[in-house]
C-alpha atoms as a PDB file:
ATOM      1  CA  MET A   1      29.216 104.172 254.229  1.00  0.00           C
ATOM      2  CA  PHE A   2      25.972 105.249 255.634  1.00  0.00           C
ATOM      3  CA  GLU A   3      23.432 104.713 252.765  1.00  0.00           C
ATOM      4  CA  ALA A   4      20.371 106.652 253.756  1.00  0.00           C
ATOM      5  CA  LYS A   5      19.112 109.293 251.224  1.00  0.00           C
ATOM      6  CA  PHE A   6      16.562 111.943 251.474  1.00  0.00           C
ATOM      7  CA  ASN A   7      14.115 113.489 248.784  1.00  0.00           C
ATOM      8  CA  LYS A   8      12.150 116.634 248.897  1.00  0.00           C
ATOM      9  CA  THR A   9       8.493 115.764 248.891  1.00  0.00           C
ATOM     10  CA  ASN A  10       6.945 119.412 249.073  1.00  0.00           C
ATOM     11  CA  ASP A  11       7.556 122.957 249.803  1.00  0.00           C
ATOM     12  CA  TRP A  12       5.378 125.762 250.749  1.00  0.00           C
ATOM     13  CA  GLY A  13       5.999 129.618 250.543  1.00  0.00           C
ATOM     14  CA  ILE A  14       5.789 131.777 253.522  1.00  0.00           C
ATOM     15  CA  PRO A  15       6.123 135.432 254.218  1.00  0.00           C
ATOM     16  CA  GLY A  16       9.598 136.701 255.399  1.00  0.00           C
ATOM     17  CA  ILE A  17      12.339 134.545 256.867  1.00  0.00           C
ATOM     18  CA  ALA A  18      11.774 131.540 259.262  1.00  0.00           C
ATOM     19  CA  PHE A  19      14.873 131.325 261.593  1.00  0.00           C
ATOM     20  CA  ALA A  20      14.125 128.309 263.588  1.00  0.00           C
ATOM     21  CA  VAL A  21      11.473 125.313 263.621  1.00  0.00           C
ATOM     22  CA  CYS A  22      10.182 122.739 266.156  1.00  0.00           C
ATOM     23  CA  ARG A  23       7.668 119.913 265.803  1.00  0.00           C
ATOM     24  CA  HIS A  24       4.938 118.427 267.966  1.00  0.00           C
ATOM     25  CA  ALA A  25       5.413 114.722 267.782  1.00  0.00           C
ATOM     26  CA  GLU A  26       1.815 113.687 268.341  1.00  0.00           C
ATOM     27  CA  SER A  27       0.039 116.254 265.951  1.00  0.00           C
ATOM     28  CA  GLY A  28       3.009 116.754 263.488  1.00  0.00           C
ATOM     29  CA  LYS A  29       2.508 120.369 263.603  1.00  0.00           C
ATOM     30  CA  LEU A  30       5.302 122.646 263.252  1.00  0.00           C
ATOM     31  CA  PHE A  31       6.169 126.046 265.000  1.00  0.00           C
ATOM     32  CA  PHE A  32       8.587 128.489 263.663  1.00  0.00           C
ATOM     33  CA  GLY A  33      10.097 131.819 264.538  1.00  0.00           C
ATOM     34  CA  SER A  34      10.015 134.472 261.866  1.00  0.00           C
ATOM     35  CA  SER A  35      11.414 137.815 260.655  1.00  0.00           C
ATOM     36  CA  ASP A  36       7.982 139.323 261.124  1.00  0.00           C
ATOM     37  CA  PHE A  37       8.322 139.330 265.007  1.00  0.00           C
ATOM     38  CA  LYS A  38       5.899 136.395 265.382  1.00  0.00           C
ATOM     39  CA  VAL A  39       5.725 132.817 266.175  1.00  0.00           C
ATOM     40  CA  HIS A  40       3.767 130.708 263.756  1.00  0.00           C
ATOM     41  CA  GLU A  41       2.073 127.305 263.724  1.00  0.00           C
ATOM     42  CA  PHE A  42       1.978 125.454 260.415  1.00  0.00           C
ATOM     43  CA  ASP A  43       0.433 122.038 259.867  1.00  0.00           C
ATOM     44  CA  PRO A  44       1.787 120.163 256.834  1.00  0.00           C
ATOM     45  CA  SER A  45      -0.938 117.745 256.813  1.00  0.00           C
ATOM     46  CA  ALA A  46      -3.670 120.327 256.148  1.00  0.00           C
ATOM     47  CA  GLU A  47      -5.113 120.552 252.715  1.00  0.00           C
ATOM     48  CA  LYS A  48      -4.000 123.948 252.043  1.00  0.00           C
ATOM     49  CA  PRO A  49      -1.179 124.725 254.733  1.00  0.00           C
ATOM     50  CA  GLU A  50      -0.912 128.341 255.795  1.00  0.00           C
ATOM     51  CA  PRO A  51       1.138 129.807 258.712  1.00  0.00           C
ATOM     52  CA  ILE A  52      -1.106 130.829 261.665  1.00  0.00           C
ATOM     53  CA  ALA A  53       0.469 133.461 263.887  1.00  0.00           C
ATOM     54  CA  PHE A  54       0.352 133.407 267.648  1.00  0.00           C
ATOM     55  CA  GLU A  55      -1.702 136.351 269.317  1.00  0.00           C
ATOM     56  CA  GLY A  56      -0.950 138.830 271.982  1.00  0.00           C
ATOM     57  CA  ASP A  57       2.037 140.770 273.165  1.00  0.00           C
ATOM     58  CA  GLY A  58       4.963 138.951 271.750  1.00  0.00           C
ATOM     59  CA  HIS A  59       8.462 139.661 270.541  1.00  0.00           C
ATOM     60  CA  GLN A  60       9.508 143.262 269.365  1.00  0.00           C
ATOM     61  CA  SER A  61      12.121 142.044 266.738  1.00  0.00           C
ATOM     62  CA  TYR A  62      13.033 138.949 264.914  1.00  0.00           C
ATOM     63  CA  VAL A  63      12.097 135.605 266.506  1.00  0.00           C
ATOM     64  CA  THR A  64      15.458 133.751 266.045  1.00  0.00           C
ATOM     65  CA  THR A  65      15.007 130.438 267.945  1.00  0.00           C
ATOM     66  CA  VAL A  66      12.349 128.059 269.300  1.00  0.00           C
ATOM     67  CA  ALA A  67      12.002 124.996 271.585  1.00  0.00           C
ATOM     68  CA  LEU A  68       9.166 122.800 272.475  1.00  0.00           C
ATOM     69  CA  ILE A  69       8.320 121.009 275.668  1.00  0.00           C
ATOM     70  CA  GLY A  70       5.067 119.224 275.407  1.00  0.00           C
ATOM     71  CA  ASN A  71       2.337 121.779 274.417  1.00  0.00           C
ATOM     72  CA  THR A  72       4.567 124.531 275.953  1.00  0.00           C
ATOM     73  CA  LEU A  73       6.651 126.540 273.205  1.00  0.00           C
ATOM     74  CA  ILE A  74       9.522 128.702 274.180  1.00  0.00           C
ATOM     75  CA  SER A  75      10.990 131.531 271.864  1.00  0.00           C
ATOM     76  CA  GLY A  76      13.924 133.732 271.863  1.00  0.00           C
ATOM     77  CA  GLY A  77      14.437 136.917 269.732  1.00  0.00           C
ATOM     78  CA  TYR A  78      16.646 139.916 268.988  1.00  0.00           C
ATOM     79  CA  ASP A  79      14.649 141.804 271.685  1.00  0.00           C
ATOM     80  CA  GLY A  80      16.419 139.785 274.230  1.00  0.00           C
ATOM     81  CA  ARG A  81      13.081 138.243 275.383  1.00  0.00           C
ATOM     82  CA  LEU A  82      12.121 134.632 276.189  1.00  0.00           C
ATOM     83  CA  ILE A  83       8.455 133.909 275.899  1.00  0.00           C
ATOM     84  CA  TRP A  84       6.636 130.924 276.933  1.00  0.00           C
ATOM     85  CA  TRP A  85       3.541 129.910 274.775  1.00  0.00           C
ATOM     86  CA  ASN A  86       0.396 127.818 275.102  1.00  0.00           C
ATOM     87  CA  THR A  87       0.377 126.129 271.788  1.00  0.00           C
ATOM     88  CA  ALA A  88      -3.231 124.969 271.892  1.00  0.00           C
ATOM     89  CA  GLU A  89      -4.369 128.657 272.585  1.00  0.00           C
ATOM     90  CA  ARG A  90      -1.531 130.193 270.475  1.00  0.00           C
ATOM     91  CA  LYS A  91      -0.988 132.839 273.435  1.00  0.00           C
ATOM     92  CA  ALA A  92       1.845 133.770 275.584  1.00  0.00           C
ATOM     93  CA  VAL A  93       1.804 132.685 279.230  1.00  0.00           C
ATOM     94  CA  ARG A  94       5.072 134.095 280.357  1.00  0.00           C
ATOM     95  CA  THR A  95       7.597 136.873 279.146  1.00  0.00           C
ATOM     96  CA  GLN A  96      11.082 137.184 280.516  1.00  0.00           C
ATOM     97  CA  ASP A  97      13.567 139.830 279.770  1.00  0.00           C
ATOM     98  CA  ALA A  98      16.354 137.395 279.774  1.00  0.00           C
ATOM     99  CA  HIS A  99      19.484 139.027 277.878  1.00  0.00           C
ATOM    100  CA  ALA A 100      20.875 142.568 277.416  1.00  0.00           C
ATOM    101  CA  LYS A 101      21.402 141.834 273.671  1.00  0.00           C
ATOM    102  CA  TRP A 102      20.198 139.742 270.696  1.00  0.00           C
ATOM    103  CA  ILE A 103      19.320 135.988 271.736  1.00  0.00           C
ATOM    104  CA  ARG A 104      20.919 133.866 269.005  1.00  0.00           C
ATOM    105  CA  ASN A 105      19.887 130.197 270.252  1.00  0.00           C
ATOM    106  CA  ILE A 106      18.111 128.217 272.847  1.00  0.00           C
ATOM    107  CA  VAL A 107      17.932 124.448 273.530  1.00  0.00           C
ATOM    108  CA  VAL A 108      15.880 122.383 276.040  1.00  0.00           C
ATOM    109  CA  SER A 109      17.293 119.248 277.780  1.00  0.00           C
ATOM    110  CA  ALA A 110      15.980 115.844 276.783  1.00  0.00           C
ATOM    111  CA  ASP A 111      13.919 115.599 279.976  1.00  0.00           C
ATOM    112  CA  GLY A 112      12.403 119.036 279.400  1.00  0.00           C
ATOM    113  CA  LYS A 113      13.611 120.422 282.619  1.00  0.00           C
ATOM    114  CA  LEU A 114      16.427 122.878 281.651  1.00  0.00           C
ATOM    115  CA  LEU A 115      16.520 125.528 279.015  1.00  0.00           C
ATOM    116  CA  ALA A 116      19.924 127.066 277.813  1.00  0.00           C
ATOM    117  CA  SER A 117      20.129 130.362 275.977  1.00  0.00           C
ATOM    118  CA  VAL A 118      22.948 132.304 274.436  1.00  0.00           C
ATOM    119  CA  ALA A 119      23.096 135.868 273.121  1.00  0.00           C
ATOM    120  CA  ASP A 120      25.333 138.788 272.074  1.00  0.00           C
ATOM    121  CA  ASP A 121      25.661 139.955 275.603  1.00  0.00           C
ATOM    122  CA  MET A 122      28.143 137.068 275.641  1.00  0.00           C
ATOM    123  CA  THR A 123      26.413 135.227 278.436  1.00  0.00           C
ATOM    124  CA  CYS A 124      24.985 131.644 278.378  1.00  0.00           C
ATOM    125  CA  LYS A 125      22.270 131.163 280.847  1.00  0.00           C
ATOM    126  CA  LEU A 126      20.492 128.076 282.320  1.00  0.00           C
ATOM    127  CA  TRP A 127      16.825 128.483 283.311  1.00  0.00           C
ATOM    128  CA  ASP A 128      14.277 126.158 284.827  1.00  0.00           C
ATOM    129  CA  ALA A 129      12.266 125.371 281.692  1.00  0.00           C
ATOM    130  CA  GLN A 130       8.997 125.180 283.414  1.00  0.00           C
ATOM    131  CA  THR A 131       9.092 128.143 285.668  1.00  0.00           C
ATOM    132  CA  GLY A 132      11.406 130.424 283.888  1.00  0.00           C
ATOM    133  CA  GLU A 133      13.643 130.727 287.125  1.00  0.00           C
ATOM    134  CA  LEU A 134      17.427 131.596 286.192  1.00  0.00           C
ATOM    135  CA  GLN A 135      19.669 128.862 287.678  1.00  0.00           C
ATOM    136  CA  GLN A 136      23.165 129.829 286.455  1.00  0.00           C
ATOM    137  CA  THR A 137      24.879 132.417 284.198  1.00  0.00           C
ATOM    138  CA  PHE A 138      28.202 131.753 282.488  1.00  0.00           C
ATOM    139  CA  SER A 139      30.332 134.767 281.320  1.00  0.00           C
ATOM    140  CA  ASP A 140      33.317 133.042 280.324  1.00  0.00           C
ATOM    141  CA  HIS A 141      33.495 133.757 276.533  1.00  0.00           C
ATOM    142  CA  VAL A 142      35.706 136.739 275.674  1.00  0.00           C
ATOM    143  CA  PRO A 143      33.499 139.500 274.784  1.00  0.00           C
ATOM    144  CA  ILE A 144      36.034 141.463 272.465  1.00  0.00           C
ATOM    145  CA  THR A 145      37.652 139.707 269.370  1.00  0.00           C
ATOM    146  CA  GLU A 146      41.403 139.505 269.070  1.00  0.00           C
ATOM    147  CA  HIS A 147      40.913 142.585 266.603  1.00  0.00           C
ATOM    148  CA  GLY A 148      39.237 144.757 269.091  1.00  0.00           C
ATOM    149  CA  TYR A 149      35.602 144.380 267.898  1.00  0.00           C
ATOM    150  CA  PRO A 150      32.462 142.887 269.749  1.00  0.00           C
ATOM    151  CA  SER A 151      32.258 139.014 269.552  1.00  0.00           C
ATOM    152  CA  MET A 152      28.983 137.093 269.314  1.00  0.00           C
ATOM    153  CA  LEU A 153      27.774 133.955 270.930  1.00  0.00           C
ATOM    154  CA  TYR A 154      25.877 132.174 268.282  1.00  0.00           C
ATOM    155  CA  ALA A 155      25.342 128.426 269.480  1.00  0.00           C
ATOM    156  CA  VAL A 156      24.444 126.240 272.562  1.00  0.00           C
ATOM    157  CA  ALA A 157      23.773 122.595 273.098  1.00  0.00           C
ATOM    158  CA  ILE A 158      23.047 120.131 275.984  1.00  0.00           C
ATOM    159  CA  SER A 159      24.173 116.532 275.906  1.00  0.00           C
ATOM    160  CA  MET A 160      21.415 113.929 275.869  1.00  0.00           C
ATOM    161  CA  ASP A 161      21.969 112.968 279.473  1.00  0.00           C
ATOM    162  CA  GLY A 162      21.489 116.446 280.572  1.00  0.00           C
ATOM    163  CA  LYS A 163      25.039 116.653 282.201  1.00  0.00           C
ATOM    164  CA  LEU A 164      26.900 118.746 279.780  1.00  0.00           C
ATOM    165  CA  LEU A 165      26.411 122.202 278.255  1.00  0.00           C
ATOM    166  CA  ALA A 166      28.462 123.731 275.498  1.00  0.00           C
ATOM    167  CA  SER A 167      28.460 127.091 273.931  1.00  0.00           C
ATOM    168  CA  ALA A 168      30.434 128.578 270.906  1.00  0.00           C
ATOM    169  CA  ASP A 169      31.228 132.113 269.776  1.00  0.00           C
ATOM    170  CA  LYS A 170      32.117 134.058 266.732  1.00  0.00           C
ATOM    171  CA  GLN A 171      36.019 133.575 266.974  1.00  0.00           C
ATOM    172  CA  GLY A 172      35.388 129.800 266.979  1.00  0.00           C
ATOM    173  CA  TYR A 173      35.738 129.073 270.611  1.00  0.00           C
ATOM    174  CA  ILE A 174      33.641 126.330 272.253  1.00  0.00           C
ATOM    175  CA  ILE A 175      33.350 125.816 276.147  1.00  0.00           C
ATOM    176  CA  VAL A 176      32.068 122.648 277.542  1.00  0.00           C
ATOM    177  CA  ARG A 177      30.851 122.725 281.024  1.00  0.00           C
ATOM    178  CA  ASN A 178      29.503 120.303 283.791  1.00  0.00           C
ATOM    179  CA  ILE A 179      25.885 121.393 284.157  1.00  0.00           C
ATOM    180  CA  GLU A 180      25.538 120.402 287.948  1.00  0.00           C
ATOM    181  CA  SER A 181      28.689 122.043 289.084  1.00  0.00           C
ATOM    182  CA  GLY A 182      29.199 124.835 286.551  1.00  0.00           C
ATOM    183  CA  GLU A 183      32.827 123.702 286.180  1.00  0.00           C
ATOM    184  CA  THR A 184      34.422 124.405 282.766  1.00  0.00           C
ATOM    185  CA  LEU A 185      35.467 120.906 281.404  1.00  0.00           C
ATOM    186  CA  ALA A 186      37.215 121.989 278.117  1.00  0.00           C
ATOM    187  CA  THR A 187      37.740 124.852 275.791  1.00  0.00           C
ATOM    188  CA  LEU A 188      38.090 124.038 272.163  1.00  0.00           C
ATOM    189  CA  HIS A 189      39.118 126.112 269.041  1.00  0.00           C
ATOM    190  CA  ALA A 190      37.954 126.123 265.517  1.00  0.00           C
ATOM    191  CA  PRO A 191      39.791 129.256 264.232  1.00  0.00           C
ATOM    192  CA  ILE A 192      39.271 128.708 260.378  1.00  0.00           C
ATOM    193  CA  MET A 193      35.498 129.331 260.884  1.00  0.00           C
ATOM    194  CA  TYR A 194      36.433 133.000 261.686  1.00  0.00           C
ATOM    195  CA  THR A 195      37.470 135.258 258.835  1.00  0.00           C
ATOM    196  CA  TRP A 196      39.044 138.663 259.523  1.00  0.00           C
ATOM    197  CA  ASP A 197      39.674 141.151 256.679  1.00  0.00           C
ATOM    198  CA  PRO A 198      42.429 143.700 257.897  1.00  0.00           C
ATOM    199  CA  ARG A 199      42.456 145.683 254.695  1.00  0.00           C
ATOM    200  CA  ALA A 200      39.297 146.242 252.559  1.00  0.00           C
ATOM    201  CA  ARG A 201      36.713 146.272 255.420  1.00  0.00           C
ATOM    202  CA  ARG A 202      38.383 145.883 258.781  1.00  0.00           C
ATOM    203  CA  HIS A 203      35.582 143.536 259.594  1.00  0.00           C
ATOM    204  CA  SER A 204      35.006 139.928 260.418  1.00  0.00           C
ATOM    205  CA  ILE A 205      32.575 137.257 259.543  1.00  0.00           C
ATOM    206  CA  GLY A 206      31.827 133.651 260.224  1.00  0.00           C
ATOM    207  CA  GLY A 207      31.819 132.022 263.748  1.00  0.00           C
ATOM    208  CA  ILE A 208      30.571 128.869 265.004  1.00  0.00           C
ATOM    209  CA  ARG A 209      26.766 128.814 264.014  1.00  0.00           C
ATOM    210  CA  SER A 210      25.763 125.353 265.279  1.00  0.00           C
ATOM    211  CA  LEU A 211      26.708 122.828 267.982  1.00  0.00           C
ATOM    212  CA  ALA A 212      25.557 119.262 268.615  1.00  0.00           C
ATOM    213  CA  PHE A 213      26.607 116.438 271.034  1.00  0.00           C
ATOM    214  CA  SER A 214      26.821 112.814 269.915  1.00  0.00           C
ATOM    215  CA  ALA A 215      24.344 110.614 271.659  1.00  0.00           C
ATOM    216  CA  ASP A 216      26.895 109.201 274.160  1.00  0.00           C
ATOM    217  CA  GLY A 217      28.234 112.804 274.844  1.00  0.00           C
ATOM    218  CA  SER A 218      31.667 111.982 273.954  1.00  0.00           C
ATOM    219  CA  GLN A 219      31.804 114.116 270.741  1.00  0.00           C
ATOM    220  CA  ILE A 220      30.867 117.501 269.858  1.00  0.00           C
ATOM    221  CA  ALA A 221      30.281 118.956 266.223  1.00  0.00           C
ATOM    222  CA  ALA A 222      30.606 122.545 265.327  1.00  0.00           C
ATOM    223  CA  GLY A 223      29.070 123.914 262.114  1.00  0.00           C
ATOM    224  CA  GLY A 224      30.213 127.343 260.281  1.00  0.00           C
ATOM    225  CA  ILE A 225      31.731 128.436 257.364  1.00  0.00           C
ATOM    226  CA  GLY A 226      35.427 128.067 256.019  1.00  0.00           C
ATOM    227  CA  THR A 227      37.713 131.068 255.082  1.00  0.00           C
ATOM    228  CA  ILE A 228      36.105 133.681 253.089  1.00  0.00           C
ATOM    229  CA  GLY A 229      37.610 135.614 250.425  1.00  0.00           C
ATOM    230  CA  ASN A 230      35.143 138.483 250.182  1.00  0.00           C
ATOM    231  CA  ILE A 231      33.661 138.842 253.457  1.00  0.00           C
ATOM    232  CA  ASP A 232      30.544 140.973 252.030  1.00  0.00           C
ATOM    233  CA  HIS A 233      29.349 137.606 251.010  1.00  0.00           C
ATOM    234  CA  LEU A 234      29.078 134.053 252.351  1.00  0.00           C
ATOM    235  CA  GLY A 235      31.418 132.640 249.608  1.00  0.00           C
ATOM    236  CA  GLY A 236      33.290 130.185 251.883  1.00  0.00           C
ATOM    237  CA  ASN A 237      32.979 126.406 252.132  1.00  0.00           C
ATOM    238  CA  ALA A 238      30.453 124.840 254.355  1.00  0.00           C
ATOM    239  CA  ARG A 239      32.554 123.633 257.245  1.00  0.00           C
ATOM    240  CA  VAL A 240      32.068 121.066 260.024  1.00  0.00           C
ATOM    241  CA  GLU A 241      34.555 120.094 262.963  1.00  0.00           C
ATOM    242  CA  VAL A 242      34.147 117.197 265.265  1.00  0.00           C
ATOM    243  CA  PHE A 243      36.085 116.892 268.378  1.00  0.00           C
ATOM    244  CA  ASP A 244      36.489 114.457 271.170  1.00  0.00           C
ATOM    245  CA  TRP A 245      36.116 117.144 273.736  1.00  0.00           C
ATOM    246  CA  LYS A 246      37.698 115.411 276.663  1.00  0.00           C
ATOM    247  CA  SER A 247      41.078 114.926 274.846  1.00  0.00           C
ATOM    248  CA  ALA A 248      40.542 118.120 272.708  1.00  0.00           C
ATOM    249  CA  GLU A 249      41.412 116.005 269.677  1.00  0.00           C
ATOM    250  CA  ARG A 250      39.975 117.361 266.441  1.00  0.00           C
ATOM    251  CA  LEU A 251      38.549 114.158 264.938  1.00  0.00           C
ATOM    252  CA  HIS A 252      37.258 115.389 261.639  1.00  0.00           C
ATOM    253  CA  GLU A 253      37.474 118.565 259.338  1.00  0.00           C
ATOM    254  CA  LEU A 254      34.894 118.526 256.702  1.00  0.00           C
ATOM    255  CA  GLU A 255      34.265 121.102 254.046  1.00  0.00           C
ATOM    256  CA  ASP A 256      31.873 121.339 251.095  1.00  0.00           C
ATOM    257  CA  SER A 257      32.803 123.406 248.093  1.00  0.00           C
ATOM    258  CA  LYS A 258      29.817 122.419 245.946  1.00  0.00           C
ATOM    259  CA  TYR A 259      27.191 123.857 248.419  1.00  0.00           C
ATOM    260  CA  LYS A 260      28.897 126.847 250.244  1.00  0.00           C
ATOM    261  CA  GLY A 261      27.628 129.040 253.154  1.00  0.00           C
ATOM    262  CA  LEU A 262      27.038 128.561 256.735  1.00  0.00           C
ATOM    263  CA  VAL A 263      26.160 125.354 258.496  1.00  0.00           C
ATOM    264  CA  GLU A 264      23.156 126.914 260.568  1.00  0.00           C
ATOM    265  CA  ARG A 265      21.992 123.392 261.949  1.00  0.00           C
ATOM    266  CA  LEU A 266      23.528 120.093 262.527  1.00  0.00           C
ATOM    267  CA  GLU A 267      22.438 116.692 264.134  1.00  0.00           C
ATOM    268  CA  PHE A 268      24.186 113.552 264.969  1.00  0.00           C
ATOM    269  CA  HIS A 269      22.586 110.192 264.028  1.00  0.00           C
ATOM    270  CA  PRO A 270      22.078 107.823 267.250  1.00  0.00           C
ATOM    271  CA  ASN A 271      24.921 105.642 265.704  1.00  0.00           C
ATOM    272  CA  GLY A 272      27.364 108.405 266.257  1.00  0.00           C
ATOM    273  CA  LYS A 273      28.833 107.875 262.991  1.00  0.00           C
ATOM    274  CA  THR A 274      26.583 110.144 260.814  1.00  0.00           C
ATOM    275  CA  LEU A 275      25.865 113.822 260.818  1.00  0.00           C
ATOM    276  CA  LEU A 276      23.115 115.828 259.120  1.00  0.00           C
ATOM    277  CA  THR A 277      23.834 119.574 258.409  1.00  0.00           C
ATOM    278  CA  ALA A 278      21.883 122.226 256.712  1.00  0.00           C
ATOM    279  CA  GLY A 279      22.495 125.914 255.847  1.00  0.00           C
ATOM    280  CA  GLY A 280      23.456 127.961 252.778  1.00  0.00           C
ATOM    281  CA  ASP A 281      24.249 131.451 251.312  1.00  0.00           C
ATOM    282  CA  ASN A 282      21.873 132.621 248.646  1.00  0.00           C
ATOM    283  CA  GLY A 283      20.774 129.053 248.188  1.00  0.00           C
ATOM    284  CA  GLY A 284      20.694 126.314 250.688  1.00  0.00           C
ATOM    285  CA  PHE A 285      21.687 122.626 251.169  1.00  0.00           C
ATOM    286  CA  VAL A 286      21.059 119.537 253.211  1.00  0.00           C
ATOM    287  CA  THR A 287      24.240 117.295 253.628  1.00  0.00           C
ATOM    288  CA  ILE A 288      24.667 113.962 255.226  1.00  0.00           C
ATOM    289  CA  TYR A 289      28.280 113.144 256.276  1.00  0.00           C
ATOM    290  CA  ASP A 290      29.785 109.625 256.921  1.00  0.00           C
ATOM    291  CA  LEU A 291      32.162 110.063 259.632  1.00  0.00           C
ATOM    292  CA  GLU A 292      34.052 106.888 259.151  1.00  0.00           C
ATOM    293  CA  SER A 293      34.754 107.596 255.597  1.00  0.00           C
ATOM    294  CA  LYS A 294      35.037 111.285 256.119  1.00  0.00           C
ATOM    295  CA  LYS A 295      32.931 111.861 252.986  1.00  0.00           C
ATOM    296  CA  ILE A 296      29.496 113.172 251.977  1.00  0.00           C
ATOM    297  CA  ALA A 297      27.160 110.239 252.031  1.00  0.00           C
ATOM    298  CA  HIS A 298      24.179 112.121 250.510  1.00  0.00           C
ATOM    299  CA  GLN A 299      23.258 115.696 249.680  1.00  0.00           C
ATOM    300  CA  GLU A 300      20.555 117.777 248.134  1.00  0.00           C
ATOM    301  CA  GLN A 301      20.141 121.332 247.168  1.00  0.00           C
ATOM    302  CA  ALA A 302      17.455 123.022 249.362  1.00  0.00           C
ATOM    303  CA  PRO A 303      15.022 125.524 247.878  1.00  0.00           C
ATOM    304  CA  MET A 304      16.204 128.310 250.155  1.00  0.00           C
ATOM    305  CA  HIS A 305      18.930 129.244 252.599  1.00  0.00           C
ATOM    306  CA  VAL A 306      18.060 126.898 255.417  1.00  0.00           C
ATOM    307  CA  HIS A 307      18.157 128.498 259.013  1.00  0.00           C
ATOM    308  CA  GLY A 308      16.529 125.672 260.854  1.00  0.00           C
ATOM    309  CA  HIS A 309      15.510 121.962 260.611  1.00  0.00           C
ATOM    310  CA  VAL A 310      13.715 119.454 262.663  1.00  0.00           C
ATOM    311  CA  LEU A 311      14.069 115.605 262.341  1.00  0.00           C
ATOM    312  CA  ASP A 312      11.436 112.987 263.009  1.00  0.00           C
ATOM    313  CA  GLU A 313      13.473 110.021 264.047  1.00  0.00           C
ATOM    314  CA  TRP A 314      15.621 110.180 260.946  1.00  0.00           C
ATOM    315  CA  LYS A 315      12.445 109.221 258.905  1.00  0.00           C
ATOM    316  CA  SER A 316      11.403 112.716 257.799  1.00  0.00           C
ATOM    317  CA  LEU A 317      12.977 116.188 257.793  1.00  0.00           C
ATOM    318  CA  TYR A 318      11.387 119.679 257.719  1.00  0.00           C
ATOM    319  CA  THR A 319      13.667 122.656 256.837  1.00  0.00           C
ATOM    320  CA  VAL A 320      12.847 126.379 257.116  1.00  0.00           C
ATOM    321  CA  GLY A 321      14.442 129.421 255.859  1.00  0.00           C
ATOM    322  CA  HIS A 322      14.041 132.373 253.475  1.00  0.00           C
ATOM    323  CA  GLY A 323      10.471 132.390 252.220  1.00  0.00           C
ATOM    324  CA  LYS A 324       9.943 128.643 252.443  1.00  0.00           C
ATOM    325  CA  ILE A 325       9.302 125.408 254.371  1.00  0.00           C
ATOM    326  CA  ALA A 326      10.325 122.312 252.797  1.00  0.00           C
ATOM    327  CA  ALA A 327       9.512 118.720 253.586  1.00  0.00           C
ATOM    328  CA  TRP A 328      11.763 115.779 252.985  1.00  0.00           C
ATOM    329  CA  THR A 329      11.660 111.841 253.416  1.00  0.00           C
ATOM    330  CA  ILE A 330      14.799 109.954 254.594  1.00  0.00           C
ATOM    331  CA  GLU A 331      15.172 106.339 253.259  1.00  0.00           C
ATOM    332  CA  GLY A 332      17.552 103.775 254.033  1.00  0.00           C
END
């Protein structure tokens, strides 16, 4: 079993909710998107760390997702905009009206050339990450759920080699594509992550909230929540499913009843046998799964519902969420 453990070393209060975070490898500075409609810089090494808001004409709603390429930060928000920022000057350099509805997630390829975005307009788009030029649009997720209500497109991932693109929606469908050709390679389904209440509320909740490819691209992990009894609350078990996407074989179904809620972010260890997840409901959690034993290898309660995390080579971890940023060390 994977024996690494992590310990929370510090946490800091911040105003509002931080939805996503990335880290500059050289400076160690963090950048996060917030419910105050702003992008912030945060230096954990400072004597008294404080969020510093970026300046200028930015987002007009929640900043839900961020990605970093060198000294350029890209953010997406509920206003449908993608914004490119100069991190040294903390100013916007390009604004793109990218989606017709809320942007839920963006991700950049390992080589920094491609940017993928997903939104509630049910499109997955590929952009030139440097110029902002739109390269491809995919509209193959079903926009209306089987119960006749609008679906949502929550998660997107690009494989390490930059050849595969995956997106996932509210009903638990995952579509894997070849980036160069645009061909659909596989459609997978995790139906337990979608709960429909036909009686009390006529409403649904859940969906796949996070996606990650293994380092070799052969597996894809999806994070969300298990079946929910009361859909007014996130009372279901935190849930992860792992697929061999080529064969459509479901390799793992992992649920955690101790720390319930949404798996908002997840990431494979380079060994392909270990998975780190984070999320929450009213509270939060950080969990490491050992995929060989199909068991939790280590787990800690987070001081907030975690919406985003960033790893530094599996040596340190930063989590962001409701009113807090937390720092963790990983040992072993």
